Protein backbone atom coordinates (compact mmCIF):
# COMPACT_ATOMS: atom_id res chain seq x y z
CA UNK A 1 0.00 0.00 0.00
CA UNK A 2 2.79 2.49 0.82
CA UNK A 3 4.40 1.85 -2.59
CA UNK A 4 1.04 2.50 -4.25
CA UNK A 5 0.69 5.76 -2.27
CA UNK A 6 4.19 6.77 -3.36
CA UNK A 7 3.24 6.13 -6.98
CA UNK A 8 0.09 8.20 -6.57
CA UNK A 9 2.18 11.10 -5.29
CA UNK A 10 4.34 10.79 -8.41
CA UNK A 11 1.45 11.16 -10.88
CA UNK A 12 2.37 13.88 -13.34
CA UNK A 13 0.75 12.95 -16.65
CA UNK A 14 -2.45 11.48 -17.96
CA UNK A 15 -2.29 9.58 -21.23
CA UNK A 16 -5.28 9.02 -23.50
CA UNK A 17 -3.61 6.82 -26.10
CA UNK A 18 -0.23 8.29 -26.96
CA UNK A 19 -0.93 11.92 -26.03
CA UNK A 20 0.14 13.10 -22.60
CA UNK A 21 -1.76 15.87 -20.84
CA UNK A 22 -0.71 17.30 -17.50
CA UNK A 23 -2.73 16.44 -14.41
CA UNK A 24 -1.86 18.78 -11.56
CA UNK A 25 -2.17 17.00 -8.23
CA UNK A 26 -0.86 17.86 -4.75
CA UNK A 27 1.88 15.73 -3.22
CA UNK A 28 -0.13 13.67 -0.72
CA UNK A 29 -3.28 12.14 -2.13
CA UNK A 30 -6.07 9.86 -1.14
CA UNK A 31 -7.58 7.36 -3.56
CA UNK A 32 -10.69 9.54 -3.66
CA UNK A 33 -8.64 12.60 -4.69
CA UNK A 34 -6.94 10.72 -7.53
CA UNK A 35 -10.27 9.32 -8.71
CA UNK A 36 -11.84 12.79 -8.59
CA UNK A 37 -8.95 14.33 -10.53
CA UNK A 38 -9.12 11.68 -13.25
CA UNK A 39 -12.90 12.06 -13.55
CA UNK A 40 -12.60 15.86 -13.68
CA UNK A 41 -10.14 15.53 -16.57
CA UNK A 42 -12.34 12.97 -18.33
CA UNK A 43 -9.51 10.43 -18.33
CA UNK A 44 -9.48 6.68 -17.67
CA UNK A 45 -5.81 6.35 -16.65
CA UNK A 46 -2.82 8.23 -15.25
CA UNK A 47 0.76 7.37 -16.14
CA UNK A 48 3.02 7.34 -13.09
CA UNK A 49 6.44 8.86 -13.66
CA UNK A 50 9.51 9.42 -11.52
CA UNK A 51 10.97 12.90 -11.21
CA UNK A 52 13.34 12.12 -14.10
CA UNK A 53 10.39 11.18 -16.33
CA UNK A 54 10.82 7.40 -16.27
CA UNK A 55 7.51 5.54 -16.45
CA UNK A 56 6.86 3.63 -13.20
CA UNK A 57 3.39 2.36 -13.94
CA UNK A 58 -0.18 3.39 -14.52
CA UNK A 59 -3.23 4.03 -12.37
CA UNK A 60 -6.58 3.29 -13.98
CA UNK A 61 -10.06 4.26 -12.85
CA UNK A 62 -11.00 0.57 -12.81
CA UNK A 63 -8.01 -0.21 -10.59
CA UNK A 64 -8.82 2.61 -8.17
CA UNK A 65 -12.42 1.50 -7.95
CA UNK A 66 -11.40 -2.12 -7.36
CA UNK A 67 -8.91 -1.12 -4.65
CA UNK A 68 -11.53 1.11 -3.00
CA UNK A 69 -13.92 -1.84 -2.98
CA UNK A 70 -11.25 -4.04 -1.37
CA UNK A 71 -10.52 -6.13 -4.46
CA UNK A 72 -7.63 -6.25 -6.89
CA UNK A 73 -7.54 -6.63 -10.65
CA UNK A 74 -5.39 -9.31 -12.20
C-alpha atoms as a PDB file:
ATOM      1  CA  UNK A   1       0.000   0.000   0.000  1.00  0.00           C
ATOM      2  CA  UNK A   2       2.789   2.487   0.824  1.00  0.00           C
ATOM      3  CA  UNK A   3       4.397   1.850  -2.591  1.00  0.00           C
ATOM      4  CA  UNK A   4       1.044   2.502  -4.252  1.00  0.00           C
ATOM      5  CA  UNK A   5       0.687   5.756  -2.268  1.00  0.00           C
ATOM      6  CA  UNK A   6       4.194   6.768  -3.362  1.00  0.00           C
ATOM      7  CA  UNK A   7       3.241   6.131  -6.979  1.00  0.00           C
ATOM      8  CA  UNK A   8       0.089   8.197  -6.568  1.00  0.00           C
ATOM      9  CA  UNK A   9       2.184  11.104  -5.294  1.00  0.00           C
ATOM     10  CA  UNK A  10       4.344  10.785  -8.413  1.00  0.00           C
ATOM     11  CA  UNK A  11       1.449  11.165 -10.879  1.00  0.00           C
ATOM     12  CA  UNK A  12       2.369  13.881 -13.342  1.00  0.00           C
ATOM     13  CA  UNK A  13       0.751  12.945 -16.651  1.00  0.00           C
ATOM     14  CA  UNK A  14      -2.448  11.476 -17.965  1.00  0.00           C
ATOM     15  CA  UNK A  15      -2.286   9.578 -21.231  1.00  0.00           C
ATOM     16  CA  UNK A  16      -5.285   9.019 -23.499  1.00  0.00           C
ATOM     17  CA  UNK A  17      -3.614   6.820 -26.097  1.00  0.00           C
ATOM     18  CA  UNK A  18      -0.227   8.286 -26.957  1.00  0.00           C
ATOM     19  CA  UNK A  19      -0.933  11.917 -26.027  1.00  0.00           C
ATOM     20  CA  UNK A  20       0.138  13.101 -22.596  1.00  0.00           C
ATOM     21  CA  UNK A  21      -1.762  15.870 -20.838  1.00  0.00           C
ATOM     22  CA  UNK A  22      -0.713  17.303 -17.503  1.00  0.00           C
ATOM     23  CA  UNK A  23      -2.732  16.443 -14.410  1.00  0.00           C
ATOM     24  CA  UNK A  24      -1.865  18.785 -11.561  1.00  0.00           C
ATOM     25  CA  UNK A  25      -2.168  16.999  -8.227  1.00  0.00           C
ATOM     26  CA  UNK A  26      -0.863  17.858  -4.753  1.00  0.00           C
ATOM     27  CA  UNK A  27       1.878  15.729  -3.220  1.00  0.00           C
ATOM     28  CA  UNK A  28      -0.129  13.672  -0.716  1.00  0.00           C
ATOM     29  CA  UNK A  29      -3.280  12.140  -2.127  1.00  0.00           C
ATOM     30  CA  UNK A  30      -6.075   9.858  -1.137  1.00  0.00           C
ATOM     31  CA  UNK A  31      -7.579   7.361  -3.557  1.00  0.00           C
ATOM     32  CA  UNK A  32     -10.690   9.540  -3.660  1.00  0.00           C
ATOM     33  CA  UNK A  33      -8.638  12.605  -4.688  1.00  0.00           C
ATOM     34  CA  UNK A  34      -6.937  10.719  -7.527  1.00  0.00           C
ATOM     35  CA  UNK A  35     -10.269   9.323  -8.714  1.00  0.00           C
ATOM     36  CA  UNK A  36     -11.843  12.792  -8.593  1.00  0.00           C
ATOM     37  CA  UNK A  37      -8.952  14.332 -10.533  1.00  0.00           C
ATOM     38  CA  UNK A  38      -9.118  11.679 -13.248  1.00  0.00           C
ATOM     39  CA  UNK A  39     -12.895  12.058 -13.549  1.00  0.00           C
ATOM     40  CA  UNK A  40     -12.598  15.855 -13.678  1.00  0.00           C
ATOM     41  CA  UNK A  41     -10.145  15.533 -16.571  1.00  0.00           C
ATOM     42  CA  UNK A  42     -12.342  12.973 -18.328  1.00  0.00           C
ATOM     43  CA  UNK A  43      -9.509  10.426 -18.327  1.00  0.00           C
ATOM     44  CA  UNK A  44      -9.476   6.684 -17.674  1.00  0.00           C
ATOM     45  CA  UNK A  45      -5.811   6.353 -16.654  1.00  0.00           C
ATOM     46  CA  UNK A  46      -2.823   8.227 -15.254  1.00  0.00           C
ATOM     47  CA  UNK A  47       0.761   7.369 -16.136  1.00  0.00           C
ATOM     48  CA  UNK A  48       3.016   7.337 -13.086  1.00  0.00           C
ATOM     49  CA  UNK A  49       6.441   8.862 -13.664  1.00  0.00           C
ATOM     50  CA  UNK A  50       9.507   9.420 -11.518  1.00  0.00           C
ATOM     51  CA  UNK A  51      10.972  12.903 -11.214  1.00  0.00           C
ATOM     52  CA  UNK A  52      13.342  12.121 -14.098  1.00  0.00           C
ATOM     53  CA  UNK A  53      10.393  11.180 -16.325  1.00  0.00           C
ATOM     54  CA  UNK A  54      10.823   7.398 -16.268  1.00  0.00           C
ATOM     55  CA  UNK A  55       7.511   5.542 -16.451  1.00  0.00           C
ATOM     56  CA  UNK A  56       6.864   3.631 -13.201  1.00  0.00           C
ATOM     57  CA  UNK A  57       3.387   2.358 -13.936  1.00  0.00           C
ATOM     58  CA  UNK A  58      -0.181   3.390 -14.519  1.00  0.00           C
ATOM     59  CA  UNK A  59      -3.228   4.033 -12.373  1.00  0.00           C
ATOM     60  CA  UNK A  60      -6.584   3.292 -13.978  1.00  0.00           C
ATOM     61  CA  UNK A  61     -10.062   4.261 -12.847  1.00  0.00           C
ATOM     62  CA  UNK A  62     -11.001   0.574 -12.809  1.00  0.00           C
ATOM     63  CA  UNK A  63      -8.006  -0.209 -10.588  1.00  0.00           C
ATOM     64  CA  UNK A  64      -8.815   2.609  -8.166  1.00  0.00           C
ATOM     65  CA  UNK A  65     -12.424   1.504  -7.947  1.00  0.00           C
ATOM     66  CA  UNK A  66     -11.396  -2.117  -7.362  1.00  0.00           C
ATOM     67  CA  UNK A  67      -8.915  -1.117  -4.652  1.00  0.00           C
ATOM     68  CA  UNK A  68     -11.525   1.108  -3.001  1.00  0.00           C
ATOM     69  CA  UNK A  69     -13.916  -1.842  -2.977  1.00  0.00           C
ATOM     70  CA  UNK A  70     -11.250  -4.037  -1.368  1.00  0.00           C
ATOM     71  CA  UNK A  71     -10.524  -6.130  -4.464  1.00  0.00           C
ATOM     72  CA  UNK A  72      -7.632  -6.248  -6.891  1.00  0.00           C
ATOM     73  CA  UNK A  73      -7.539  -6.627 -10.650  1.00  0.00           C
ATOM     74  CA  UNK A  74      -5.386  -9.314 -12.197  1.00  0.00           C
END
